Structures are given as C-alpha cells and as structure tokens.
Amino acid sequence: MKNLPNIKTFVVDDDPFFLQIMEQVLLNLGIDDVTCFDNGFDIQNSLHQKPEIIFLDYNLEGITGYDVLKKIKRYDPDIYVILISAQDEIKPAVDALKHGAFDYLQKSNDTMNQVEAIIGKVLAVKEALEKNKPTLLKRIFQIK
C-alpha cells in the first residue's frame, strides 16, 4: 500500500508465532507504528496510547476477545477493532460485528491479503468521514 498515513496499530494474540506474522504483515504494508500484546489485559492498560486499529484475537487466555472488545469500545468507540479467529464458523464473525467490531479476520494462509483489504476499508471509511465532517458540523451548528 502506498502513502499510508502513520496509523497506530495494536495486535493482540496469545500465539507468539501469529503475533510475529501479523507484525511483519503490517510492517510490509507500510504501517510502522505496531505494538503487539500477548494478552487481553495489557492492551486495556495501553488504550491511552490512542491506537486507531486493533487486531484482536477471539480466543485469549484468561479473557475472551469479546470482553476486551467491549472494554475497547467503551473507552473509545472510534477505534477500528478487527476480531481474529482460527475458527471457520460464522457465529463468531456475526457476534463480533454485533459487539462493535469493524471486521472479522479468519486466520489462514491468505492473512496478508485479508489484512491489506481490511486496512484499505478502514482508510476508505476514515477518508469518507473526514470529507463529510465539515458538512456535518455545519449542519449541527447551523442556526435557523
């Protein structure tokens, strides 16, 4: 991906091998502000760093990805959270979206392409929101 803005990105997974792969995938895509966490508790204490994107494992040791997702969304609903799972069932994906996840990523051999597509979607949404922000603010503060 070209001309990527500096996007602070967190990756949370208790599998050190997958964590390393995700970090490298993001670096290869041009995202150089990547912080990795091997549990769901440490990330909660680091949300003050204001990540824009969080890739969050569904099955974490000691806490579920859904519980962490809810806490992230309570802290800042504008963070783009992508839930990750090795499960090939549809239910976790649907539940993730119901709980406020931006997208769902299934761990596979095609992870790099999926991550690139998701980053593209995030950037498109951010750009659309930025373009519409002045118009929305004008409408909100317009006095009749």
N, C-alpha and C. Protein backbone atom coordinates (compact mmCIF):
# COMPACT_ATOMS: atom_id res chain seq x y z
N MET A 1 0.85 -1.18 0.00
CA MET A 1 0.00 0.00 0.00
C MET A 1 0.89 1.23 0.00
N LYS A 2 0.51 2.19 -0.79
CA LYS A 2 1.31 3.40 -0.90
C LYS A 2 0.69 4.53 -0.09
N ASN A 3 1.55 5.45 0.33
CA ASN A 3 1.12 6.66 1.02
C ASN A 3 0.24 6.38 2.23
N LEU A 4 0.61 5.40 3.01
CA LEU A 4 -0.16 5.11 4.22
C LEU A 4 0.14 6.16 5.27
N PRO A 5 -0.90 6.72 5.85
CA PRO A 5 -0.65 7.63 6.96
C PRO A 5 -0.11 6.83 8.15
N ASN A 6 0.51 7.50 9.07
CA ASN A 6 1.04 6.81 10.24
C ASN A 6 -0.13 6.36 11.11
N ILE A 7 -0.43 5.09 11.06
CA ILE A 7 -1.58 4.53 11.76
C ILE A 7 -1.08 3.72 12.95
N LYS A 8 -1.41 4.16 14.15
CA LYS A 8 -1.03 3.41 15.35
C LYS A 8 -1.89 2.16 15.40
N THR A 9 -1.25 1.01 15.40
CA THR A 9 -1.95 -0.27 15.32
C THR A 9 -1.50 -1.20 16.44
N PHE A 10 -2.47 -1.81 17.10
CA PHE A 10 -2.19 -2.82 18.12
C PHE A 10 -2.58 -4.19 17.57
N VAL A 11 -1.82 -5.20 17.95
CA VAL A 11 -2.15 -6.58 17.63
C VAL A 11 -2.16 -7.36 18.94
N VAL A 12 -3.25 -8.09 19.19
CA VAL A 12 -3.39 -8.84 20.43
C VAL A 12 -3.64 -10.30 20.08
N ASP A 13 -2.71 -11.17 20.47
CA ASP A 13 -2.86 -12.60 20.22
C ASP A 13 -1.94 -13.35 21.18
N ASP A 14 -2.44 -14.43 21.77
CA ASP A 14 -1.60 -15.19 22.70
C ASP A 14 -0.73 -16.23 22.00
N ASP A 15 -0.80 -16.29 20.69
CA ASP A 15 0.06 -17.17 19.89
C ASP A 15 1.25 -16.34 19.40
N PRO A 16 2.44 -16.57 19.97
CA PRO A 16 3.60 -15.73 19.62
C PRO A 16 3.97 -15.81 18.13
N PHE A 17 3.75 -16.97 17.52
CA PHE A 17 4.07 -17.12 16.10
C PHE A 17 3.16 -16.25 15.24
N PHE A 18 1.85 -16.31 15.52
CA PHE A 18 0.90 -15.49 14.75
C PHE A 18 1.12 -14.00 15.02
N LEU A 19 1.46 -13.66 16.24
CA LEU A 19 1.74 -12.27 16.60
C LEU A 19 2.89 -11.73 15.76
N GLN A 20 3.93 -12.54 15.62
CA GLN A 20 5.09 -12.14 14.83
C GLN A 20 4.73 -12.01 13.35
N ILE A 21 3.91 -12.94 12.85
CA ILE A 21 3.47 -12.87 11.45
C ILE A 21 2.67 -11.59 11.21
N MET A 22 1.72 -11.30 12.10
CA MET A 22 0.89 -10.11 11.94
C MET A 22 1.73 -8.83 11.97
N GLU A 23 2.68 -8.78 12.88
CA GLU A 23 3.54 -7.61 12.95
C GLU A 23 4.29 -7.42 11.63
N GLN A 24 4.82 -8.50 11.09
CA GLN A 24 5.57 -8.41 9.84
C GLN A 24 4.67 -8.04 8.67
N VAL A 25 3.46 -8.59 8.63
CA VAL A 25 2.49 -8.25 7.57
C VAL A 25 2.21 -6.75 7.59
N LEU A 26 1.95 -6.21 8.78
CA LEU A 26 1.64 -4.78 8.90
C LEU A 26 2.84 -3.92 8.51
N LEU A 27 4.03 -4.32 8.94
CA LEU A 27 5.24 -3.58 8.56
C LEU A 27 5.43 -3.61 7.05
N ASN A 28 5.19 -4.78 6.43
CA ASN A 28 5.31 -4.90 4.97
C ASN A 28 4.30 -4.03 4.23
N LEU A 29 3.17 -3.77 4.86
CA LEU A 29 2.15 -2.91 4.25
C LEU A 29 2.44 -1.43 4.44
N GLY A 30 3.49 -1.12 5.21
CA GLY A 30 3.86 0.27 5.41
C GLY A 30 3.39 0.87 6.72
N ILE A 31 2.82 0.05 7.57
CA ILE A 31 2.40 0.53 8.89
C ILE A 31 3.55 0.27 9.85
N ASP A 32 4.21 1.34 10.27
CA ASP A 32 5.41 1.14 11.09
C ASP A 32 5.20 1.40 12.57
N ASP A 33 3.99 1.79 12.96
CA ASP A 33 3.69 2.01 14.38
C ASP A 33 2.82 0.86 14.88
N VAL A 34 3.47 -0.29 15.11
CA VAL A 34 2.77 -1.52 15.51
C VAL A 34 3.23 -1.91 16.91
N THR A 35 2.26 -2.14 17.79
CA THR A 35 2.56 -2.62 19.14
C THR A 35 1.83 -3.94 19.33
N CYS A 36 2.56 -4.95 19.82
CA CYS A 36 2.00 -6.29 19.99
C CYS A 36 1.79 -6.60 21.47
N PHE A 37 0.70 -7.30 21.75
CA PHE A 37 0.36 -7.72 23.10
C PHE A 37 0.03 -9.21 23.06
N ASP A 38 0.48 -9.94 24.09
CA ASP A 38 0.20 -11.37 24.12
C ASP A 38 -0.95 -11.73 25.05
N ASN A 39 -1.68 -10.71 25.54
CA ASN A 39 -2.85 -10.98 26.38
C ASN A 39 -3.82 -9.80 26.30
N GLY A 40 -5.02 -10.03 26.77
CA GLY A 40 -6.06 -9.02 26.69
C GLY A 40 -6.03 -8.00 27.80
N PHE A 41 -5.24 -8.24 28.83
CA PHE A 41 -5.19 -7.32 29.96
C PHE A 41 -4.25 -6.14 29.70
N ASP A 42 -3.08 -6.43 29.13
CA ASP A 42 -2.10 -5.37 28.88
C ASP A 42 -2.62 -4.33 27.89
N ILE A 43 -3.38 -4.77 26.92
CA ILE A 43 -3.89 -3.81 25.94
C ILE A 43 -4.84 -2.81 26.60
N GLN A 44 -5.62 -3.29 27.55
CA GLN A 44 -6.56 -2.40 28.23
C GLN A 44 -5.83 -1.27 28.96
N ASN A 45 -4.64 -1.58 29.45
CA ASN A 45 -3.83 -0.57 30.14
C ASN A 45 -3.06 0.33 29.18
N SER A 46 -3.15 0.04 27.88
CA SER A 46 -2.40 0.82 26.89
C SER A 46 -3.29 1.61 25.94
N LEU A 47 -4.58 1.59 26.17
CA LEU A 47 -5.50 2.30 25.28
C LEU A 47 -5.27 3.81 25.27
N HIS A 48 -4.64 4.33 26.33
CA HIS A 48 -4.33 5.76 26.38
C HIS A 48 -3.36 6.18 25.27
N GLN A 49 -2.69 5.20 24.65
CA GLN A 49 -1.78 5.48 23.54
C GLN A 49 -2.54 5.79 22.24
N LYS A 50 -3.85 5.67 22.29
CA LYS A 50 -4.76 6.02 21.19
C LYS A 50 -4.50 5.27 19.89
N PRO A 51 -4.62 3.94 19.92
CA PRO A 51 -4.50 3.20 18.66
C PRO A 51 -5.69 3.51 17.76
N GLU A 52 -5.45 3.47 16.46
CA GLU A 52 -6.56 3.66 15.51
C GLU A 52 -7.16 2.33 15.10
N ILE A 53 -6.30 1.30 15.03
CA ILE A 53 -6.73 -0.03 14.62
C ILE A 53 -6.22 -1.04 15.63
N ILE A 54 -7.08 -2.01 15.98
CA ILE A 54 -6.66 -3.10 16.85
C ILE A 54 -7.09 -4.42 16.22
N PHE A 55 -6.13 -5.30 16.00
CA PHE A 55 -6.41 -6.67 15.59
C PHE A 55 -6.43 -7.50 16.87
N LEU A 56 -7.58 -8.08 17.18
CA LEU A 56 -7.82 -8.71 18.48
C LEU A 56 -8.21 -10.17 18.32
N ASP A 57 -7.45 -11.06 18.95
CA ASP A 57 -7.75 -12.49 18.90
C ASP A 57 -9.05 -12.80 19.63
N TYR A 58 -9.81 -13.70 19.08
CA TYR A 58 -11.09 -14.14 19.66
C TYR A 58 -10.87 -14.98 20.92
N ASN A 59 -9.90 -15.89 20.86
CA ASN A 59 -9.63 -16.80 21.98
C ASN A 59 -8.35 -16.39 22.70
N LEU A 60 -8.51 -15.60 23.74
CA LEU A 60 -7.37 -15.20 24.55
C LEU A 60 -7.39 -15.96 25.86
N GLU A 61 -6.22 -16.17 26.41
CA GLU A 61 -6.13 -16.88 27.68
C GLU A 61 -6.58 -15.95 28.82
N GLY A 62 -7.54 -16.41 29.60
CA GLY A 62 -7.98 -15.66 30.78
C GLY A 62 -9.09 -14.65 30.55
N ILE A 63 -9.32 -14.27 29.31
CA ILE A 63 -10.38 -13.30 28.98
C ILE A 63 -10.76 -13.51 27.51
N THR A 64 -12.02 -13.32 27.21
CA THR A 64 -12.43 -13.51 25.82
C THR A 64 -12.17 -12.24 25.00
N GLY A 65 -12.02 -12.44 23.72
CA GLY A 65 -11.86 -11.30 22.83
C GLY A 65 -13.07 -10.38 22.87
N TYR A 66 -14.26 -10.97 23.07
CA TYR A 66 -15.48 -10.16 23.17
C TYR A 66 -15.43 -9.22 24.37
N ASP A 67 -14.95 -9.74 25.51
CA ASP A 67 -14.85 -8.91 26.71
C ASP A 67 -13.90 -7.74 26.48
N VAL A 68 -12.77 -8.03 25.83
CA VAL A 68 -11.80 -6.97 25.54
C VAL A 68 -12.40 -5.99 24.53
N LEU A 69 -13.09 -6.50 23.53
CA LEU A 69 -13.74 -5.65 22.52
C LEU A 69 -14.71 -4.67 23.18
N LYS A 70 -15.53 -5.16 24.09
CA LYS A 70 -16.49 -4.30 24.78
C LYS A 70 -15.77 -3.18 25.56
N LYS A 71 -14.67 -3.53 26.22
CA LYS A 71 -13.92 -2.54 27.00
C LYS A 71 -13.26 -1.51 26.09
N ILE A 72 -12.76 -1.97 24.95
CA ILE A 72 -12.16 -1.04 23.99
C ILE A 72 -13.21 -0.06 23.49
N LYS A 73 -14.37 -0.58 23.13
CA LYS A 73 -15.44 0.26 22.58
C LYS A 73 -15.99 1.23 23.63
N ARG A 74 -15.98 0.82 24.91
CA ARG A 74 -16.39 1.74 25.97
C ARG A 74 -15.36 2.86 26.13
N TYR A 75 -14.10 2.52 25.97
CA TYR A 75 -13.03 3.51 26.11
C TYR A 75 -13.06 4.50 24.94
N ASP A 76 -13.15 3.96 23.72
CA ASP A 76 -13.18 4.81 22.53
C ASP A 76 -13.91 4.08 21.41
N PRO A 77 -15.15 4.46 21.15
CA PRO A 77 -15.94 3.77 20.13
C PRO A 77 -15.42 3.97 18.71
N ASP A 78 -14.49 4.90 18.52
CA ASP A 78 -13.97 5.17 17.17
C ASP A 78 -12.78 4.31 16.79
N ILE A 79 -12.30 3.46 17.68
CA ILE A 79 -11.19 2.56 17.35
C ILE A 79 -11.74 1.46 16.44
N TYR A 80 -11.02 1.19 15.37
CA TYR A 80 -11.40 0.13 14.44
C TYR A 80 -10.84 -1.19 14.98
N VAL A 81 -11.74 -2.05 15.47
CA VAL A 81 -11.32 -3.33 16.04
C VAL A 81 -11.67 -4.44 15.05
N ILE A 82 -10.67 -5.25 14.72
CA ILE A 82 -10.86 -6.39 13.84
C ILE A 82 -10.64 -7.63 14.68
N LEU A 83 -11.68 -8.43 14.85
CA LEU A 83 -11.57 -9.65 15.63
C LEU A 83 -10.96 -10.74 14.76
N ILE A 84 -10.03 -11.50 15.32
CA ILE A 84 -9.32 -12.55 14.59
C ILE A 84 -9.64 -13.89 15.23
N SER A 85 -9.82 -14.92 14.40
CA SER A 85 -10.06 -16.25 14.93
C SER A 85 -9.61 -17.31 13.94
N ALA A 86 -9.21 -18.45 14.49
CA ALA A 86 -8.88 -19.59 13.64
C ALA A 86 -10.13 -20.41 13.33
N GLN A 87 -11.22 -20.11 14.01
CA GLN A 87 -12.47 -20.85 13.80
C GLN A 87 -13.04 -20.53 12.42
N ASP A 88 -13.59 -21.56 11.79
CA ASP A 88 -14.19 -21.35 10.48
C ASP A 88 -15.72 -21.29 10.55
N GLU A 89 -16.23 -21.06 11.75
CA GLU A 89 -17.68 -20.94 11.92
C GLU A 89 -18.11 -19.49 11.68
N ILE A 90 -19.34 -19.30 11.29
CA ILE A 90 -19.86 -17.96 11.00
C ILE A 90 -20.29 -17.23 12.28
N LYS A 91 -20.68 -17.98 13.31
CA LYS A 91 -21.21 -17.36 14.53
C LYS A 91 -20.23 -16.37 15.18
N PRO A 92 -18.95 -16.71 15.36
CA PRO A 92 -18.04 -15.71 15.95
C PRO A 92 -17.94 -14.43 15.13
N ALA A 93 -18.01 -14.56 13.81
CA ALA A 93 -17.94 -13.38 12.96
C ALA A 93 -19.17 -12.49 13.17
N VAL A 94 -20.34 -13.11 13.18
CA VAL A 94 -21.58 -12.36 13.39
C VAL A 94 -21.58 -11.72 14.77
N ASP A 95 -21.20 -12.48 15.79
CA ASP A 95 -21.15 -11.94 17.15
C ASP A 95 -20.16 -10.78 17.26
N ALA A 96 -19.03 -10.90 16.58
CA ALA A 96 -18.02 -9.83 16.62
C ALA A 96 -18.60 -8.53 16.07
N LEU A 97 -19.30 -8.63 14.96
CA LEU A 97 -19.89 -7.44 14.35
C LEU A 97 -21.00 -6.86 15.22
N LYS A 98 -21.76 -7.74 15.86
CA LYS A 98 -22.83 -7.29 16.77
C LYS A 98 -22.25 -6.52 17.95
N HIS A 99 -21.06 -6.92 18.39
CA HIS A 99 -20.44 -6.29 19.56
C HIS A 99 -19.60 -5.07 19.18
N GLY A 100 -19.64 -4.64 17.93
CA GLY A 100 -18.96 -3.41 17.56
C GLY A 100 -17.67 -3.55 16.79
N ALA A 101 -17.29 -4.78 16.42
CA ALA A 101 -16.07 -4.95 15.63
C ALA A 101 -16.28 -4.35 14.24
N PHE A 102 -15.23 -3.80 13.69
CA PHE A 102 -15.28 -3.25 12.34
C PHE A 102 -15.30 -4.37 11.31
N ASP A 103 -14.55 -5.43 11.59
CA ASP A 103 -14.47 -6.56 10.66
C ASP A 103 -14.01 -7.80 11.41
N TYR A 104 -13.98 -8.90 10.70
CA TYR A 104 -13.61 -10.19 11.26
C TYR A 104 -12.59 -10.82 10.32
N LEU A 105 -11.52 -11.32 10.88
CA LEU A 105 -10.45 -11.92 10.09
C LEU A 105 -10.24 -13.36 10.52
N GLN A 106 -10.34 -14.27 9.57
CA GLN A 106 -10.08 -15.68 9.87
C GLN A 106 -8.62 -15.98 9.58
N LYS A 107 -7.94 -16.57 10.55
CA LYS A 107 -6.54 -16.92 10.36
C LYS A 107 -6.45 -17.95 9.24
N SER A 108 -5.57 -17.66 8.26
CA SER A 108 -5.43 -18.57 7.13
C SER A 108 -4.12 -18.27 6.41
N ASN A 109 -3.89 -19.00 5.33
CA ASN A 109 -2.70 -18.75 4.51
C ASN A 109 -2.83 -17.44 3.74
N ASP A 110 -4.03 -16.90 3.69
CA ASP A 110 -4.30 -15.67 2.94
C ASP A 110 -4.38 -14.45 3.86
N THR A 111 -3.83 -14.56 5.04
CA THR A 111 -3.96 -13.50 6.04
C THR A 111 -3.44 -12.16 5.53
N MET A 112 -2.30 -12.16 4.83
CA MET A 112 -1.73 -10.89 4.37
C MET A 112 -2.70 -10.16 3.45
N ASN A 113 -3.28 -10.87 2.49
CA ASN A 113 -4.23 -10.23 1.58
C ASN A 113 -5.47 -9.74 2.31
N GLN A 114 -5.92 -10.53 3.29
CA GLN A 114 -7.09 -10.12 4.07
C GLN A 114 -6.79 -8.86 4.88
N VAL A 115 -5.62 -8.82 5.50
CA VAL A 115 -5.23 -7.66 6.30
C VAL A 115 -5.12 -6.43 5.41
N GLU A 116 -4.53 -6.59 4.24
CA GLU A 116 -4.40 -5.46 3.32
C GLU A 116 -5.77 -4.94 2.91
N ALA A 117 -6.71 -5.84 2.63
CA ALA A 117 -8.07 -5.43 2.26
C ALA A 117 -8.76 -4.70 3.41
N ILE A 118 -8.59 -5.21 4.62
CA ILE A 118 -9.21 -4.58 5.80
C ILE A 118 -8.63 -3.19 6.04
N ILE A 119 -7.31 -3.06 5.93
CA ILE A 119 -6.67 -1.74 6.10
C ILE A 119 -7.22 -0.78 5.04
N GLY A 120 -7.39 -1.27 3.83
CA GLY A 120 -7.97 -0.45 2.76
C GLY A 120 -9.37 0.03 3.10
N LYS A 121 -10.18 -0.86 3.69
CA LYS A 121 -11.54 -0.48 4.09
C LYS A 121 -11.52 0.56 5.20
N VAL A 122 -10.63 0.37 6.17
CA VAL A 122 -10.51 1.34 7.27
C VAL A 122 -10.15 2.72 6.72
N LEU A 123 -9.16 2.75 5.83
CA LEU A 123 -8.74 4.03 5.26
C LEU A 123 -9.86 4.68 4.45
N ALA A 124 -10.63 3.88 3.72
CA ALA A 124 -11.75 4.42 2.94
C ALA A 124 -12.82 5.01 3.86
N VAL A 125 -13.12 4.32 4.95
CA VAL A 125 -14.12 4.83 5.90
C VAL A 125 -13.62 6.11 6.55
N LYS A 126 -12.35 6.12 6.98
CA LYS A 126 -11.78 7.32 7.60
C LYS A 126 -11.82 8.51 6.65
N GLU A 127 -11.48 8.27 5.39
CA GLU A 127 -11.49 9.34 4.39
C GLU A 127 -12.90 9.87 4.17
N ALA A 128 -13.87 8.96 4.07
CA ALA A 128 -15.26 9.38 3.88
C ALA A 128 -15.75 10.19 5.08
N LEU A 129 -15.39 9.77 6.27
CA LEU A 129 -15.80 10.50 7.47
C LEU A 129 -15.16 11.89 7.51
N GLU A 130 -13.90 11.97 7.13
CA GLU A 130 -13.21 13.26 7.13
C GLU A 130 -13.82 14.21 6.11
N LYS A 131 -14.18 13.68 4.94
CA LYS A 131 -14.78 14.52 3.90
C LYS A 131 -16.13 15.06 4.34
N ASN A 132 -16.89 14.24 5.05
CA ASN A 132 -18.23 14.63 5.46
C ASN A 132 -18.27 15.39 6.77
N LYS A 133 -17.18 15.39 7.50
CA LYS A 133 -17.15 16.05 8.81
C LYS A 133 -17.50 17.53 8.74
N PRO A 134 -16.88 18.32 7.85
CA PRO A 134 -17.24 19.75 7.82
C PRO A 134 -18.72 19.98 7.51
N THR A 135 -19.26 19.22 6.60
CA THR A 135 -20.67 19.35 6.25
C THR A 135 -21.55 19.01 7.44
N LEU A 136 -21.21 17.95 8.13
CA LEU A 136 -21.99 17.53 9.29
C LEU A 136 -21.91 18.59 10.39
N LEU A 137 -20.73 19.11 10.65
CA LEU A 137 -20.57 20.14 11.67
C LEU A 137 -21.35 21.40 11.31
N LYS A 138 -21.33 21.76 10.03
CA LYS A 138 -22.10 22.93 9.59
C LYS A 138 -23.58 22.72 9.86
N ARG A 139 -24.07 21.51 9.56
CA ARG A 139 -25.48 21.22 9.78
C ARG A 139 -25.83 21.24 11.26
N ILE A 140 -24.94 20.72 12.08
CA ILE A 140 -25.21 20.67 13.52
C ILE A 140 -25.26 22.07 14.11
N PHE A 141 -24.33 22.92 13.68
CA PHE A 141 -24.22 24.25 14.28
C PHE A 141 -24.94 25.34 13.49
N GLN A 142 -25.63 24.95 12.45
CA GLN A 142 -26.36 25.92 11.64
C GLN A 142 -27.54 26.47 12.44
N ILE A 143 -27.61 27.77 12.52
CA ILE A 143 -28.70 28.42 13.25
C ILE A 143 -29.71 28.92 12.24
N LYS A 144 -30.95 28.58 12.48
CA LYS A 144 -32.02 28.99 11.56
C LYS A 144 -32.76 30.17 12.10
